[in-house]
C-alpha atoms as a PDB file:
ATOM      1  CA  MET A   1      -3.897 -16.397 -14.635  1.00  0.00           C
ATOM      2  CA  ASN A   2      -7.278 -15.095 -13.526  1.00  0.00           C
ATOM      3  CA  PHE A   3      -8.763 -18.617 -13.785  1.00  0.00           C
ATOM      4  CA  PHE A   4      -5.970 -20.087 -11.629  1.00  0.00           C
ATOM      5  CA  SER A   5      -6.257 -17.263  -9.138  1.00  0.00           C
ATOM      6  CA  SER A   6     -10.012 -17.870  -8.851  1.00  0.00           C
ATOM      7  CA  LEU A   7      -9.491 -21.601  -8.502  1.00  0.00           C
ATOM      8  CA  PHE A   8      -6.822 -21.038  -5.846  1.00  0.00           C
ATOM      9  CA  ASN A   9      -9.095 -18.668  -3.873  1.00  0.00           C
ATOM     10  CA  HIS A  10     -11.961 -21.175  -4.046  1.00  0.00           C
ATOM     11  CA  PHE A  11      -9.673 -23.959  -2.828  1.00  0.00           C
ATOM     12  CA  VAL A  12      -8.285 -21.834   0.017  1.00  0.00           C
ATOM     13  CA  ARG A  13     -11.787 -20.772   1.059  1.00  0.00           C
ATOM     14  CA  LYS A  14     -12.968 -24.394   1.235  1.00  0.00           C
ATOM     15  CA  LYS A  15      -9.941 -25.372   3.294  1.00  0.00           C
ATOM     16  CA  LEU A  16     -10.448 -22.442   5.680  1.00  0.00           C
ATOM     17  CA  ILE A  17     -14.122 -23.327   6.148  1.00  0.00           C
ATOM     18  CA  SER A  18     -13.180 -26.961   6.811  1.00  0.00           C
ATOM     19  CA  LEU A  19     -10.490 -25.882   9.267  1.00  0.00           C
ATOM     20  CA  LEU A  20     -12.903 -23.537  11.038  1.00  0.00           C
ATOM     21  CA  PHE A  21     -15.531 -26.297  11.294  1.00  0.00           C
ATOM     22  CA  PHE A  22     -12.936 -28.729  12.637  1.00  0.00           C
ATOM     23  CA  THR A  23     -11.707 -26.177  15.185  1.00  0.00           C
ATOM     24  CA  LEU A  24     -15.227 -25.457  16.407  1.00  0.00           C
ATOM     25  CA  THR A  25     -16.130 -29.127  16.805  1.00  0.00           C
ATOM     26  CA  ILE A  26     -12.835 -30.396  18.220  1.00  0.00           C
ATOM     27  CA  GLY A  27     -14.216 -30.791  21.749  1.00  0.00           C
ATOM     28  CA  CYS A  28     -17.553 -32.214  20.665  1.00  0.00           C
ATOM     29  CA  TYR A  29     -17.828 -35.955  21.008  1.00  0.00           C
ATOM     30  CA  SER A  30     -20.169 -38.464  22.474  1.00  0.00           C
ATOM     31  CA  PHE A  31     -20.177 -42.026  23.700  1.00  0.00           C
ATOM     32  CA  LYS A  32     -23.003 -44.530  23.558  1.00  0.00           C
ATOM     33  CA  GLY A  33     -22.665 -44.930  27.267  1.00  0.00           C
ATOM     34  CA  GLY A  34     -22.577 -42.411  30.028  1.00  0.00           C
ATOM     35  CA  SER A  35     -22.150 -42.303  33.714  1.00  0.00           C
ATOM     36  CA  LEU A  36     -24.333 -43.632  36.474  1.00  0.00           C
ATOM     37  CA  PRO A  37     -27.283 -41.543  37.662  1.00  0.00           C
ATOM     38  CA  GLU A  38     -26.281 -39.300  40.568  1.00  0.00           C
ATOM     39  CA  HIS A  39     -28.594 -41.017  43.048  1.00  0.00           C
ATOM     40  CA  ILE A  40     -26.872 -44.403  42.616  1.00  0.00           C
ATOM     41  CA  LYS A  41     -23.802 -44.540  44.813  1.00  0.00           C
ATOM     42  CA  THR A  42     -23.926 -48.074  46.254  1.00  0.00           C
ATOM     43  CA  ILE A  43     -24.491 -51.573  44.926  1.00  0.00           C
ATOM     44  CA  ALA A  44     -25.382 -54.899  46.530  1.00  0.00           C
ATOM     45  CA  PHE A  45     -25.210 -58.333  44.942  1.00  0.00           C
ATOM     46  CA  ALA A  46     -28.050 -60.806  45.270  1.00  0.00           C
ATOM     47  CA  PRO A  47     -27.008 -64.434  45.829  1.00  0.00           C
ATOM     48  CA  ILE A  48     -26.088 -65.943  42.470  1.00  0.00           C
ATOM     49  CA  VAL A  49     -28.468 -68.582  41.170  1.00  0.00           C
ATOM     50  CA  ASP A  50     -26.911 -71.464  39.210  1.00  0.00           C
ATOM     51  CA  ASN A  51     -29.354 -73.033  36.748  1.00  0.00           C
ATOM     52  CA  SER A  52     -26.594 -74.553  34.626  1.00  0.00           C
ATOM     53  CA  ASN A  53     -26.810 -78.090  36.043  1.00  0.00           C
ATOM     54  CA  TYR A  54     -23.019 -78.195  35.690  1.00  0.00           C
ATOM     55  CA  GLY A  55     -22.716 -79.376  39.261  1.00  0.00           C
ATOM     56  CA  ASN A  56     -19.977 -77.227  40.759  1.00  0.00           C
ATOM     57  CA  PRO A  57     -21.245 -74.791  43.416  1.00  0.00           C
ATOM     58  CA  VAL A  58     -17.768 -73.267  43.725  1.00  0.00           C
ATOM     59  CA  TYR A  59     -18.380 -71.318  40.483  1.00  0.00           C
ATOM     60  CA  ARG A  60     -21.070 -69.182  42.158  1.00  0.00           C
ATOM     61  CA  ASP A  61     -18.603 -68.176  44.865  1.00  0.00           C
ATOM     62  CA  MET A  62     -15.868 -67.510  42.307  1.00  0.00           C
ATOM     63  CA  PHE A  63     -18.265 -65.328  40.324  1.00  0.00           C
ATOM     64  CA  VAL A  64     -19.472 -63.202  43.246  1.00  0.00           C
ATOM     65  CA  ASN A  65     -15.932 -62.799  44.611  1.00  0.00           C
ATOM     66  CA  GLU A  66     -14.668 -61.669  41.211  1.00  0.00           C
ATOM     67  CA  LEU A  67     -17.596 -59.236  40.828  1.00  0.00           C
ATOM     68  CA  ILE A  68     -16.930 -57.715  44.237  1.00  0.00           C
ATOM     69  CA  LYS A  69     -13.206 -57.410  43.481  1.00  0.00           C
ATOM     70  CA  LYS A  70     -13.812 -55.713  40.117  1.00  0.00           C
ATOM     71  CA  PHE A  71     -16.441 -53.294  41.440  1.00  0.00           C
ATOM     72  CA  GLN A  72     -14.240 -52.349  44.401  1.00  0.00           C
ATOM     73  CA  LYS A  73     -11.263 -51.780  42.124  1.00  0.00           C
ATOM     74  CA  ASP A  74     -13.346 -49.671  39.715  1.00  0.00           C
ATOM     75  CA  ASN A  75     -14.700 -47.609  42.636  1.00  0.00           C
ATOM     76  CA  SER A  76     -17.664 -46.172  40.676  1.00  0.00           C
ATOM     77  CA  LEU A  77     -20.058 -47.770  43.157  1.00  0.00           C
ATOM     78  CA  LYS A  78     -19.463 -48.681  46.768  1.00  0.00           C
ATOM     79  CA  VAL A  79     -20.114 -52.389  47.321  1.00  0.00           C
ATOM     80  CA  ILE A  80     -22.210 -53.014  50.425  1.00  0.00           C
ATOM     81  CA  GLU A  81     -24.206 -55.859  51.921  1.00  0.00           C
ATOM     82  CA  GLY A  82     -27.883 -55.304  52.602  1.00  0.00           C
ATOM     83  CA  THR A  83     -29.852 -52.291  51.379  1.00  0.00           C
ATOM     84  CA  ALA A  84     -28.119 -50.332  48.610  1.00  0.00           C
ATOM     85  CA  ASP A  85     -29.079 -47.788  45.948  1.00  0.00           C
ATOM     86  CA  SER A  86     -28.832 -50.541  43.329  1.00  0.00           C
ATOM     87  CA  LYS A  87     -28.779 -54.312  43.165  1.00  0.00           C
ATOM     88  CA  LEU A  88     -27.197 -56.707  40.699  1.00  0.00           C
ATOM     89  CA  THR A  89     -28.874 -60.093  40.300  1.00  0.00           C
ATOM     90  CA  LEU A  90     -27.056 -62.764  38.334  1.00  0.00           C
ATOM     91  CA  THR A  91     -28.187 -66.182  37.141  1.00  0.00           C
ATOM     92  CA  ILE A  92     -25.799 -68.694  35.587  1.00  0.00           C
ATOM     93  CA  ASP A  93     -27.961 -70.048  32.756  1.00  0.00           C
ATOM     94  CA  ALA A  94     -25.534 -72.484  31.172  1.00  0.00           C
ATOM     95  CA  ILE A  95     -22.024 -73.849  31.343  1.00  0.00           C
ATOM     96  CA  ARG A  96     -21.112 -75.879  28.304  1.00  0.00           C
ATOM     97  CA  ASP A  97     -17.925 -77.920  27.978  1.00  0.00           C
ATOM     98  CA  GLU A  98     -17.517 -78.988  24.359  1.00  0.00           C
ATOM     99  CA  THR A  99     -14.940 -79.951  21.792  1.00  0.00           C
ATOM    100  CA  ALA A 100     -13.169 -76.884  20.433  1.00  0.00           C
ATOM    101  CA  PHE A 101     -11.447 -77.816  17.193  1.00  0.00           C
ATOM    102  CA  VAL A 102     -10.967 -81.304  15.842  1.00  0.00           C
ATOM    103  CA  LYS A 103     -10.081 -82.208  12.293  1.00  0.00           C
ATOM    104  CA  PRO A 104     -11.190 -85.565  10.939  1.00  0.00           C
ATOM    105  CA  GLY A 105      -8.789 -88.283  12.049  1.00  0.00           C
ATOM    106  CA  GLU A 106      -7.269 -86.209  14.891  1.00  0.00           C
ATOM    107  CA  LEU A 107      -7.586 -86.737  18.601  1.00  0.00           C
ATOM    108  CA  GLU A 108      -9.208 -84.034  20.684  1.00  0.00           C
ATOM    109  CA  LYS A 109      -6.547 -81.617  21.976  1.00  0.00           C
ATOM    110  CA  GLU A 110      -8.586 -78.640  23.118  1.00  0.00           C
ATOM    111  CA  ARG A 111     -11.982 -78.017  24.632  1.00  0.00           C
ATOM    112  CA  LYS A 112     -14.095 -74.915  24.849  1.00  0.00           C
ATOM    113  CA  ILE A 113     -15.889 -73.929  28.034  1.00  0.00           C
ATOM    114  CA  THR A 114     -18.727 -71.429  27.546  1.00  0.00           C
ATOM    115  CA  MET A 115     -20.685 -69.689  30.271  1.00  0.00           C
ATOM    116  CA  GLU A 116     -23.967 -67.826  29.761  1.00  0.00           C
ATOM    117  CA  VAL A 117     -25.427 -65.576  32.441  1.00  0.00           C
ATOM    118  CA  THR A 118     -28.440 -63.318  32.809  1.00  0.00           C
ATOM    119  CA  VAL A 119     -27.868 -60.087  34.716  1.00  0.00           C
ATOM    120  CA  GLU A 120     -30.429 -57.653  36.054  1.00  0.00           C
ATOM    121  CA  PHE A 121     -29.351 -54.238  37.305  1.00  0.00           C
ATOM    122  CA  PHE A 122     -32.019 -52.732  39.560  1.00  0.00           C
ATOM    123  CA  ASP A 123     -32.339 -49.103  40.692  1.00  0.00           C
ATOM    124  CA  ALA A 124     -33.605 -49.510  44.265  1.00  0.00           C
ATOM    125  CA  VAL A 125     -34.112 -45.755  44.722  1.00  0.00           C
ATOM    126  CA  LYS A 126     -36.540 -45.404  41.807  1.00  0.00           C
ATOM    127  CA  SER A 127     -37.741 -49.029  41.982  1.00  0.00           C
ATOM    128  CA  LYS A 128     -37.062 -49.823  38.346  1.00  0.00           C
ATOM    129  CA  ILE A 129     -34.957 -52.221  36.334  1.00  0.00           C
ATOM    130  CA  ILE A 130     -32.139 -50.368  34.588  1.00  0.00           C
ATOM    131  CA  PHE A 131     -31.226 -53.307  32.381  1.00  0.00           C
ATOM    132  CA  SER A 132     -31.695 -57.020  32.043  1.00  0.00           C
ATOM    133  CA  ARG A 133     -29.181 -58.619  29.699  1.00  0.00           C
ATOM    134  CA  LYS A 134     -27.631 -61.916  28.770  1.00  0.00           C
ATOM    135  CA  PHE A 135     -23.851 -62.200  28.690  1.00  0.00           C
ATOM    136  CA  SER A 136     -21.796 -65.023  27.238  1.00  0.00           C
ATOM    137  CA  ASN A 137     -18.096 -65.746  26.964  1.00  0.00           C
ATOM    138  CA  TYR A 138     -15.768 -68.698  26.535  1.00  0.00           C
ATOM    139  CA  SER A 139     -12.220 -69.939  26.984  1.00  0.00           C
ATOM    140  CA  ILE A 140     -10.224 -72.717  25.343  1.00  0.00           C
ATOM    141  CA  TYR A 141      -8.244 -75.203  27.426  1.00  0.00           C
ATOM    142  CA  SER A 142      -5.917 -78.140  26.827  1.00  0.00           C
ATOM    143  CA  VAL A 143      -7.271 -81.654  27.285  1.00  0.00           C
ATOM    144  CA  ALA A 144      -3.782 -82.846  28.279  1.00  0.00           C
ATOM    145  CA  GLU A 145      -3.843 -80.812  31.492  1.00  0.00           C
ATOM    146  CA  ILE A 146      -7.375 -81.501  32.810  1.00  0.00           C
ATOM    147  CA  PRO A 147      -8.595 -80.690  35.497  1.00  0.00           C
ATOM    148  CA  ILE A 148      -6.161 -77.803  36.124  1.00  0.00           C
ATOM    149  CA  SER A 149      -6.580 -76.344  32.626  1.00  0.00           C
ATOM    150  CA  ARG A 150     -10.384 -76.570  32.837  1.00  0.00           C
ATOM    151  CA  ASP A 151     -10.427 -74.775  36.204  1.00  0.00           C
ATOM    152  CA  LYS A 152      -8.150 -72.074  34.785  1.00  0.00           C
ATOM    153  CA  ALA A 153     -10.470 -71.728  31.767  1.00  0.00           C
ATOM    154  CA  ILE A 154     -13.475 -71.278  34.083  1.00  0.00           C
ATOM    155  CA  GLU A 155     -11.562 -68.569  35.982  1.00  0.00           C
ATOM    156  CA  ASP A 156     -10.775 -66.887  32.651  1.00  0.00           C
ATOM    157  CA  VAL A 157     -14.427 -66.989  31.531  1.00  0.00           C
ATOM    158  CA  ILE A 158     -15.600 -65.577  34.853  1.00  0.00           C
ATOM    159  CA  SER A 159     -13.012 -62.792  34.608  1.00  0.00           C
ATOM    160  CA  LYS A 160     -14.166 -61.885  31.088  1.00  0.00           C
ATOM    161  CA  LEU A 161     -17.831 -61.946  32.079  1.00  0.00           C
ATOM    162  CA  THR A 162     -17.304 -59.837  35.193  1.00  0.00           C
ATOM    163  CA  ASP A 163     -15.430 -57.260  33.076  1.00  0.00           C
ATOM    164  CA  ASP A 164     -18.383 -57.145  30.665  1.00  0.00           C
ATOM    165  CA  ILE A 165     -20.892 -56.856  33.517  1.00  0.00           C
ATOM    166  CA  LEU A 166     -18.920 -54.097  35.228  1.00  0.00           C
ATOM    167  CA  ILE A 167     -18.687 -52.060  32.018  1.00  0.00           C
ATOM    168  CA  ALA A 168     -22.392 -52.520  31.268  1.00  0.00           C
ATOM    169  CA  THR A 169     -23.301 -51.496  34.807  1.00  0.00           C
ATOM    170  CA  VAL A 170     -21.172 -48.379  35.249  1.00  0.00           C
ATOM    171  CA  SER A 171     -21.048 -47.030  31.711  1.00  0.00           C
ATOM    172  CA  GLY A 172     -23.522 -48.854  29.489  1.00  0.00           C
ATOM    173  CA  TRP A 173     -26.183 -46.162  29.458  1.00  0.00           C
END
């Protein structure tokens, strides 16, 4: 009985220590990212450069409009024209429209549109680049419904990319 009593006490002690440790650390957590520096309250967008050679200037406008909409909705930074605490510069590097999935002997049913962009986030107060990153995303569309399905796929890609850019800008520290 003494052996079992000792074993039980040892077990209970370990559980109490574990419980105490858990209780003490319950509020301790961390994220990779953080919040924006206190001095950055506003953001401006440089005109988007399109180096994709895809040939549709409407995509630049779609991109900047979607960025503005997402940043305004997020409300972490006030979007302004002209001089701001920070500036986001975006270059469309590539837009590729390629076959998505085709098995031998089948006709093409779907295509994949991929967009790659380079984004630079600049701290105008401290005159330094906060980050310069490449982003890429894609969407699949039906060949049977071109051009409507392709335009919808482009909108989807731009929406995904602007979400990624927003997150990287306001919390990717």
